[in-house]
N, C-alpha and C. Protein backbone atom coordinates (compact mmCIF):
# COMPACT_ATOMS: atom_id res chain seq x y z
N MET A 1 -13.97 25.11 -27.81
CA MET A 1 -12.71 25.38 -28.49
C MET A 1 -11.58 24.70 -27.74
N THR A 2 -10.68 24.12 -28.48
CA THR A 2 -9.51 23.50 -27.90
C THR A 2 -8.33 24.46 -28.03
N TYR A 3 -7.58 24.62 -26.97
CA TYR A 3 -6.42 25.50 -26.98
C TYR A 3 -5.16 24.66 -27.06
N HIS A 4 -4.20 25.16 -27.84
CA HIS A 4 -2.93 24.45 -28.02
C HIS A 4 -1.77 25.38 -27.72
N SER A 5 -0.73 24.81 -27.21
CA SER A 5 0.48 25.58 -26.93
C SER A 5 1.15 25.98 -28.24
N PRO A 6 1.87 27.09 -28.23
CA PRO A 6 2.61 27.50 -29.44
C PRO A 6 3.64 26.46 -29.84
N VAL A 7 3.92 26.44 -31.15
CA VAL A 7 4.89 25.51 -31.71
C VAL A 7 6.00 26.32 -32.37
N LYS A 8 7.24 25.95 -32.09
CA LYS A 8 8.39 26.64 -32.68
C LYS A 8 8.84 25.89 -33.93
N ARG A 9 9.01 26.64 -35.02
CA ARG A 9 9.49 26.05 -36.27
C ARG A 9 10.55 26.96 -36.86
N SER A 10 11.43 26.37 -37.66
CA SER A 10 12.47 27.14 -38.34
C SER A 10 12.00 27.53 -39.73
N VAL A 11 12.31 28.75 -40.12
CA VAL A 11 12.05 29.24 -41.47
C VAL A 11 13.31 29.94 -41.95
N GLU A 12 13.36 30.15 -43.25
CA GLU A 12 14.52 30.83 -43.83
C GLU A 12 14.06 32.12 -44.49
N ILE A 13 14.71 33.22 -44.11
CA ILE A 13 14.41 34.53 -44.68
C ILE A 13 15.71 35.10 -45.22
N ALA A 14 15.72 35.38 -46.52
CA ALA A 14 16.90 35.96 -47.17
C ALA A 14 18.16 35.17 -46.85
N GLY A 15 18.05 33.85 -46.88
CA GLY A 15 19.20 32.99 -46.67
C GLY A 15 19.59 32.77 -45.22
N HIS A 16 18.83 33.32 -44.30
CA HIS A 16 19.13 33.17 -42.87
C HIS A 16 18.00 32.40 -42.19
N LYS A 17 18.38 31.43 -41.39
CA LYS A 17 17.38 30.66 -40.65
C LYS A 17 17.02 31.39 -39.37
N THR A 18 15.74 31.33 -39.05
CA THR A 18 15.25 31.90 -37.81
C THR A 18 14.11 31.02 -37.30
N SER A 19 13.85 31.09 -36.03
CA SER A 19 12.75 30.32 -35.45
C SER A 19 11.58 31.24 -35.17
N ILE A 20 10.39 30.72 -35.42
CA ILE A 20 9.17 31.46 -35.16
C ILE A 20 8.27 30.56 -34.32
N THR A 21 7.68 31.14 -33.29
CA THR A 21 6.77 30.40 -32.43
C THR A 21 5.37 30.94 -32.64
N LEU A 22 4.49 30.06 -33.14
CA LEU A 22 3.09 30.41 -33.40
C LEU A 22 2.20 29.28 -32.90
N GLU A 23 0.98 29.63 -32.57
CA GLU A 23 0.01 28.63 -32.21
C GLU A 23 -0.33 27.81 -33.46
N PRO A 24 -0.70 26.53 -33.29
CA PRO A 24 -1.00 25.68 -34.45
C PRO A 24 -2.01 26.28 -35.42
N VAL A 25 -3.02 26.98 -34.92
CA VAL A 25 -4.01 27.57 -35.82
C VAL A 25 -3.36 28.58 -36.77
N PHE A 26 -2.35 29.32 -36.31
CA PHE A 26 -1.66 30.27 -37.17
C PHE A 26 -0.74 29.55 -38.16
N TRP A 27 -0.12 28.45 -37.74
CA TRP A 27 0.68 27.66 -38.70
C TRP A 27 -0.24 27.12 -39.80
N ASP A 28 -1.43 26.68 -39.41
CA ASP A 28 -2.39 26.18 -40.41
C ASP A 28 -2.80 27.28 -41.38
N LEU A 29 -3.10 28.47 -40.85
CA LEU A 29 -3.48 29.60 -41.71
C LEU A 29 -2.33 30.01 -42.62
N LEU A 30 -1.12 29.99 -42.09
CA LEU A 30 0.05 30.34 -42.89
C LEU A 30 0.26 29.33 -44.02
N ARG A 31 0.08 28.07 -43.71
CA ARG A 31 0.19 27.02 -44.73
C ARG A 31 -0.89 27.19 -45.80
N ASP A 32 -2.12 27.49 -45.36
CA ASP A 32 -3.22 27.72 -46.31
C ASP A 32 -2.92 28.92 -47.20
N GLN A 33 -2.41 29.97 -46.62
CA GLN A 33 -2.07 31.18 -47.37
C GLN A 33 -1.01 30.87 -48.43
N ALA A 34 0.02 30.14 -48.03
CA ALA A 34 1.08 29.78 -48.97
C ALA A 34 0.54 28.91 -50.10
N ARG A 35 -0.29 27.96 -49.76
CA ARG A 35 -0.88 27.07 -50.77
C ARG A 35 -1.74 27.88 -51.74
N ALA A 36 -2.56 28.78 -51.21
CA ALA A 36 -3.44 29.59 -52.05
C ALA A 36 -2.66 30.49 -53.00
N GLN A 37 -1.51 30.97 -52.54
CA GLN A 37 -0.69 31.86 -53.36
C GLN A 37 0.30 31.10 -54.23
N GLY A 38 0.44 29.80 -53.99
CA GLY A 38 1.36 28.98 -54.77
C GLY A 38 2.82 29.28 -54.48
N VAL A 39 3.10 29.63 -53.23
CA VAL A 39 4.48 29.95 -52.82
C VAL A 39 4.80 29.19 -51.54
N PRO A 40 6.08 29.05 -51.22
CA PRO A 40 6.45 28.42 -49.96
C PRO A 40 6.10 29.32 -48.77
N ILE A 41 5.95 28.71 -47.61
CA ILE A 41 5.71 29.47 -46.39
C ILE A 41 6.80 30.52 -46.20
N ASN A 42 8.04 30.16 -46.50
CA ASN A 42 9.15 31.12 -46.33
C ASN A 42 8.91 32.40 -47.12
N ALA A 43 8.28 32.31 -48.28
CA ALA A 43 8.02 33.49 -49.09
C ALA A 43 7.02 34.42 -48.41
N ILE A 44 5.98 33.85 -47.81
CA ILE A 44 5.00 34.65 -47.08
C ILE A 44 5.69 35.32 -45.89
N VAL A 45 6.46 34.54 -45.15
CA VAL A 45 7.15 35.07 -43.98
C VAL A 45 8.11 36.20 -44.40
N ALA A 46 8.81 36.03 -45.50
CA ALA A 46 9.73 37.08 -45.97
C ALA A 46 8.98 38.36 -46.32
N ARG A 47 7.81 38.24 -46.95
CA ARG A 47 7.00 39.42 -47.28
C ARG A 47 6.54 40.14 -46.02
N VAL A 48 6.06 39.36 -45.07
CA VAL A 48 5.60 39.95 -43.81
C VAL A 48 6.77 40.63 -43.11
N ASP A 49 7.92 39.99 -43.11
CA ASP A 49 9.11 40.55 -42.46
C ASP A 49 9.50 41.88 -43.11
N ALA A 50 9.51 41.92 -44.43
CA ALA A 50 9.87 43.15 -45.14
C ALA A 50 8.87 44.26 -44.83
N ALA A 51 7.58 43.92 -44.80
CA ALA A 51 6.55 44.93 -44.51
C ALA A 51 6.69 45.46 -43.09
N ARG A 52 6.96 44.57 -42.14
CA ARG A 52 7.06 45.03 -40.75
C ARG A 52 8.29 45.88 -40.54
N LEU A 53 9.39 45.56 -41.22
CA LEU A 53 10.61 46.35 -41.07
C LEU A 53 10.47 47.72 -41.70
N GLY A 54 9.57 47.84 -42.68
CA GLY A 54 9.33 49.13 -43.32
C GLY A 54 8.23 49.94 -42.67
N ALA A 55 7.60 49.38 -41.64
CA ALA A 55 6.49 50.07 -40.98
C ALA A 55 7.01 51.14 -40.03
N ALA A 56 6.16 52.11 -39.76
CA ALA A 56 6.52 53.19 -38.84
C ALA A 56 6.82 52.64 -37.44
N GLU A 57 6.01 51.68 -37.01
CA GLU A 57 6.25 51.02 -35.73
C GLU A 57 6.48 49.55 -36.01
N THR A 58 7.57 49.03 -35.51
CA THR A 58 7.86 47.62 -35.74
C THR A 58 7.36 46.78 -34.58
N THR A 59 7.20 45.51 -34.88
CA THR A 59 6.80 44.53 -33.88
C THR A 59 7.60 43.27 -34.15
N GLY A 60 7.47 42.29 -33.30
CA GLY A 60 8.14 41.03 -33.51
C GLY A 60 7.58 40.30 -34.72
N LEU A 61 8.38 39.43 -35.29
CA LEU A 61 7.97 38.72 -36.50
C LEU A 61 6.74 37.85 -36.27
N ALA A 62 6.70 37.11 -35.17
CA ALA A 62 5.54 36.25 -34.91
C ALA A 62 4.27 37.09 -34.79
N SER A 63 4.35 38.20 -34.10
CA SER A 63 3.20 39.08 -33.97
C SER A 63 2.79 39.64 -35.33
N ALA A 64 3.75 40.02 -36.15
CA ALA A 64 3.46 40.55 -37.48
C ALA A 64 2.76 39.49 -38.34
N ILE A 65 3.20 38.25 -38.24
CA ILE A 65 2.58 37.16 -39.00
C ILE A 65 1.13 36.97 -38.56
N ARG A 66 0.91 36.96 -37.25
CA ARG A 66 -0.46 36.81 -36.75
C ARG A 66 -1.36 37.94 -37.27
N GLN A 67 -0.86 39.17 -37.19
CA GLN A 67 -1.64 40.32 -37.64
C GLN A 67 -1.91 40.26 -39.14
N TYR A 68 -0.92 39.85 -39.91
CA TYR A 68 -1.08 39.70 -41.36
C TYR A 68 -2.17 38.67 -41.67
N LEU A 69 -2.12 37.53 -40.99
CA LEU A 69 -3.09 36.47 -41.25
C LEU A 69 -4.51 36.91 -40.87
N VAL A 70 -4.65 37.58 -39.76
CA VAL A 70 -5.97 38.07 -39.35
C VAL A 70 -6.47 39.11 -40.35
N GLU A 71 -5.58 39.99 -40.79
CA GLU A 71 -5.98 41.00 -41.78
C GLU A 71 -6.44 40.34 -43.08
N GLN A 72 -5.76 39.30 -43.50
CA GLN A 72 -6.16 38.58 -44.71
C GLN A 72 -7.56 37.99 -44.53
N LEU A 73 -7.83 37.42 -43.36
CA LEU A 73 -9.15 36.87 -43.09
C LEU A 73 -10.21 37.96 -43.08
N ARG A 74 -9.90 39.08 -42.46
CA ARG A 74 -10.85 40.20 -42.41
C ARG A 74 -11.17 40.73 -43.79
N ARG A 75 -10.15 40.85 -44.61
CA ARG A 75 -10.33 41.39 -45.96
C ARG A 75 -10.99 40.36 -46.88
N GLY A 76 -10.92 39.10 -46.48
CA GLY A 76 -11.53 38.06 -47.29
C GLY A 76 -10.75 37.74 -48.55
N ASP A 77 -9.47 38.11 -48.57
CA ASP A 77 -8.68 37.86 -49.76
C ASP A 77 -7.45 37.03 -49.44
N ALA A 78 -7.61 36.03 -48.62
CA ALA A 78 -6.49 35.19 -48.24
C ALA A 78 -5.86 34.49 -49.43
N ALA A 79 -6.59 34.35 -50.52
CA ALA A 79 -6.06 33.62 -51.66
C ALA A 79 -5.71 34.52 -52.84
N ASP A 80 -5.70 35.84 -52.65
CA ASP A 80 -5.48 36.71 -53.80
C ASP A 80 -4.02 37.00 -54.09
N GLY A 81 -3.12 36.58 -53.21
CA GLY A 81 -1.70 36.80 -53.47
C GLY A 81 -1.22 38.19 -53.12
N ALA A 82 -2.03 38.97 -52.45
CA ALA A 82 -1.65 40.34 -52.12
C ALA A 82 -0.51 40.35 -51.12
N SER A 83 0.37 41.29 -51.30
CA SER A 83 1.47 41.46 -50.35
C SER A 83 0.94 42.15 -49.11
N PRO A 84 1.55 41.88 -47.96
CA PRO A 84 1.10 42.55 -46.75
C PRO A 84 1.38 44.04 -46.86
N ARG A 85 0.46 44.84 -46.38
CA ARG A 85 0.67 46.28 -46.43
C ARG A 85 1.13 46.76 -45.06
N PRO A 86 2.05 47.72 -45.03
CA PRO A 86 2.51 48.24 -43.74
C PRO A 86 1.36 48.95 -43.02
N GLU A 87 1.44 48.98 -41.72
CA GLU A 87 0.46 49.70 -40.91
C GLU A 87 0.56 51.18 -41.19
N THR A 88 -0.56 51.86 -41.16
CA THR A 88 -0.57 53.31 -41.37
C THR A 88 -0.86 54.05 -40.11
């Protein structure tokens, strides 16, 4: 396995720009998720952000994105367009 340093990119959530730092593998998964759902990456990030802010325990946005992507892989429905569900 090859390891890569995290990459910082800008995204826009609700009209506000923010930077997110993720490892390239997570950027690839996020891009795949957006493509499968037919939405921009910003839309996925906004959904994850809304879900994390509504959760009982909050975490950083980058961490929430990683957890969302792993959960999608575990559930096997990365292409179903499902919204992220808050942690219970």
